[in-house]
């Protein structure tokens, strides 16, 4: 299309047409499920605390640097 083209409806809207949801099947009420209580695990992937070595004082753990791309956009509005 040319840069001067302005898209318009091909026909005037019908007077009795009322726009509704595009996908009415998705608008249905969600099925409500009963809340569940988690059952205790038979086998735990967490090691027992008495087998783990305690962290010794004086040693340092490597800490990753903070994520550098967390910059909030600043928008200034002047009256």
C-alpha atoms as a PDB file:
ATOM      1  CA  UNK A   1       0.000   0.000   0.000  1.00  0.00           C
ATOM      2  CA  UNK A   2       1.012   3.558  -0.566  1.00  0.00           C
ATOM      3  CA  UNK A   3       2.019   5.755   2.390  1.00  0.00           C
ATOM      4  CA  UNK A   4      -1.145   7.840   1.814  1.00  0.00           C
ATOM      5  CA  UNK A   5      -3.437   4.811   2.240  1.00  0.00           C
ATOM      6  CA  UNK A   6      -5.708   4.978   5.272  1.00  0.00           C
ATOM      7  CA  UNK A   7      -7.342   1.645   6.143  1.00  0.00           C
ATOM      8  CA  UNK A   8     -11.090   1.889   6.623  1.00  0.00           C
ATOM      9  CA  UNK A   9     -13.864  -0.651   7.084  1.00  0.00           C
ATOM     10  CA  UNK A  10     -15.049  -2.121   3.799  1.00  0.00           C
ATOM     11  CA  UNK A  11     -18.672  -1.630   4.802  1.00  0.00           C
ATOM     12  CA  UNK A  12     -20.401   0.490   7.434  1.00  0.00           C
ATOM     13  CA  UNK A  13     -20.972  -1.303  10.740  1.00  0.00           C
ATOM     14  CA  UNK A  14     -24.309  -3.001  11.185  1.00  0.00           C
ATOM     15  CA  UNK A  15     -26.642  -1.142  13.570  1.00  0.00           C
ATOM     16  CA  UNK A  16     -27.501  -4.334  15.479  1.00  0.00           C
ATOM     17  CA  UNK A  17     -23.915  -5.614  15.787  1.00  0.00           C
ATOM     18  CA  UNK A  18     -22.540  -5.459  19.316  1.00  0.00           C
ATOM     19  CA  UNK A  19     -18.863  -6.392  19.635  1.00  0.00           C
ATOM     20  CA  UNK A  20     -18.317  -9.239  22.051  1.00  0.00           C
ATOM     21  CA  UNK A  21     -15.405 -11.355  23.199  1.00  0.00           C
ATOM     22  CA  UNK A  22     -13.259 -12.674  20.365  1.00  0.00           C
ATOM     23  CA  UNK A  23     -13.093 -16.173  21.824  1.00  0.00           C
ATOM     24  CA  UNK A  24     -16.260 -16.877  23.855  1.00  0.00           C
ATOM     25  CA  UNK A  25     -15.095 -20.407  24.778  1.00  0.00           C
ATOM     26  CA  UNK A  26     -12.218 -18.966  26.825  1.00  0.00           C
ATOM     27  CA  UNK A  27     -14.559 -16.649  28.717  1.00  0.00           C
ATOM     28  CA  UNK A  28     -16.318 -19.557  30.440  1.00  0.00           C
ATOM     29  CA  UNK A  29     -16.069 -19.863  34.190  1.00  0.00           C
ATOM     30  CA  UNK A  30     -13.026 -21.781  35.343  1.00  0.00           C
ATOM     31  CA  UNK A  31     -13.520 -25.169  36.949  1.00  0.00           C
ATOM     32  CA  UNK A  32     -13.001 -24.856  40.679  1.00  0.00           C
ATOM     33  CA  UNK A  33     -10.905 -27.658  42.104  1.00  0.00           C
ATOM     34  CA  UNK A  34     -10.786 -28.608  45.746  1.00  0.00           C
ATOM     35  CA  UNK A  35      -7.618 -27.459  47.529  1.00  0.00           C
ATOM     36  CA  UNK A  36      -5.101 -30.218  47.970  1.00  0.00           C
ATOM     37  CA  UNK A  37      -2.812 -30.937  50.875  1.00  0.00           C
ATOM     38  CA  UNK A  38       0.681 -32.020  49.853  1.00  0.00           C
ATOM     39  CA  UNK A  39       1.536 -35.521  50.992  1.00  0.00           C
ATOM     40  CA  UNK A  40       4.858 -36.096  52.757  1.00  0.00           C
ATOM     41  CA  UNK A  41       7.562 -37.406  50.452  1.00  0.00           C
ATOM     42  CA  UNK A  42       8.697 -40.979  50.897  1.00  0.00           C
ATOM     43  CA  UNK A  43      12.258 -40.102  49.910  1.00  0.00           C
ATOM     44  CA  UNK A  44      13.735 -36.693  50.567  1.00  0.00           C
ATOM     45  CA  UNK A  45      16.260 -35.152  48.180  1.00  0.00           C
ATOM     46  CA  UNK A  46      17.460 -32.892  51.012  1.00  0.00           C
ATOM     47  CA  UNK A  47      20.406 -34.298  52.897  1.00  0.00           C
ATOM     48  CA  UNK A  48      20.110 -34.621  56.632  1.00  0.00           C
ATOM     49  CA  UNK A  49      21.645 -31.764  58.609  1.00  0.00           C
ATOM     50  CA  UNK A  50      23.904 -33.999  60.726  1.00  0.00           C
ATOM     51  CA  UNK A  51      25.681 -35.245  57.586  1.00  0.00           C
ATOM     52  CA  UNK A  52      26.379 -31.755  56.232  1.00  0.00           C
ATOM     53  CA  UNK A  53      29.542 -29.921  57.201  1.00  0.00           C
ATOM     54  CA  UNK A  54      28.957 -26.639  59.043  1.00  0.00           C
ATOM     55  CA  UNK A  55      30.225 -23.465  57.401  1.00  0.00           C
ATOM     56  CA  UNK A  56      33.511 -22.528  58.999  1.00  0.00           C
ATOM     57  CA  UNK A  57      34.104 -18.945  60.069  1.00  0.00           C
ATOM     58  CA  UNK A  58      36.840 -17.083  58.246  1.00  0.00           C
ATOM     59  CA  UNK A  59      35.999 -18.652  54.892  1.00  0.00           C
ATOM     60  CA  UNK A  60      34.114 -16.603  52.353  1.00  0.00           C
ATOM     61  CA  UNK A  61      31.632 -17.793  49.798  1.00  0.00           C
ATOM     62  CA  UNK A  62      31.646 -16.421  46.267  1.00  0.00           C
ATOM     63  CA  UNK A  63      28.747 -14.066  45.669  1.00  0.00           C
ATOM     64  CA  UNK A  64      27.785 -13.375  42.065  1.00  0.00           C
ATOM     65  CA  UNK A  65      27.696  -9.718  41.014  1.00  0.00           C
ATOM     66  CA  UNK A  66      24.261  -8.096  40.801  1.00  0.00           C
ATOM     67  CA  UNK A  67      22.422  -8.269  37.512  1.00  0.00           C
ATOM     68  CA  UNK A  68      23.433  -5.148  35.569  1.00  0.00           C
ATOM     69  CA  UNK A  69      20.462  -4.744  33.257  1.00  0.00           C
ATOM     70  CA  UNK A  70      17.853  -3.892  35.873  1.00  0.00           C
ATOM     71  CA  UNK A  71      17.498  -0.250  34.959  1.00  0.00           C
ATOM     72  CA  UNK A  72      14.112   1.378  35.335  1.00  0.00           C
ATOM     73  CA  UNK A  73      12.981   3.701  32.581  1.00  0.00           C
ATOM     74  CA  UNK A  74      12.679   7.303  33.613  1.00  0.00           C
ATOM     75  CA  UNK A  75       9.948   9.359  32.036  1.00  0.00           C
ATOM     76  CA  UNK A  76       9.798  13.049  32.763  1.00  0.00           C
ATOM     77  CA  UNK A  77       6.663  15.041  32.089  1.00  0.00           C
ATOM     78  CA  UNK A  78       7.040  18.784  31.910  1.00  0.00           C
ATOM     79  CA  UNK A  79       3.951  20.996  32.237  1.00  0.00           C
END
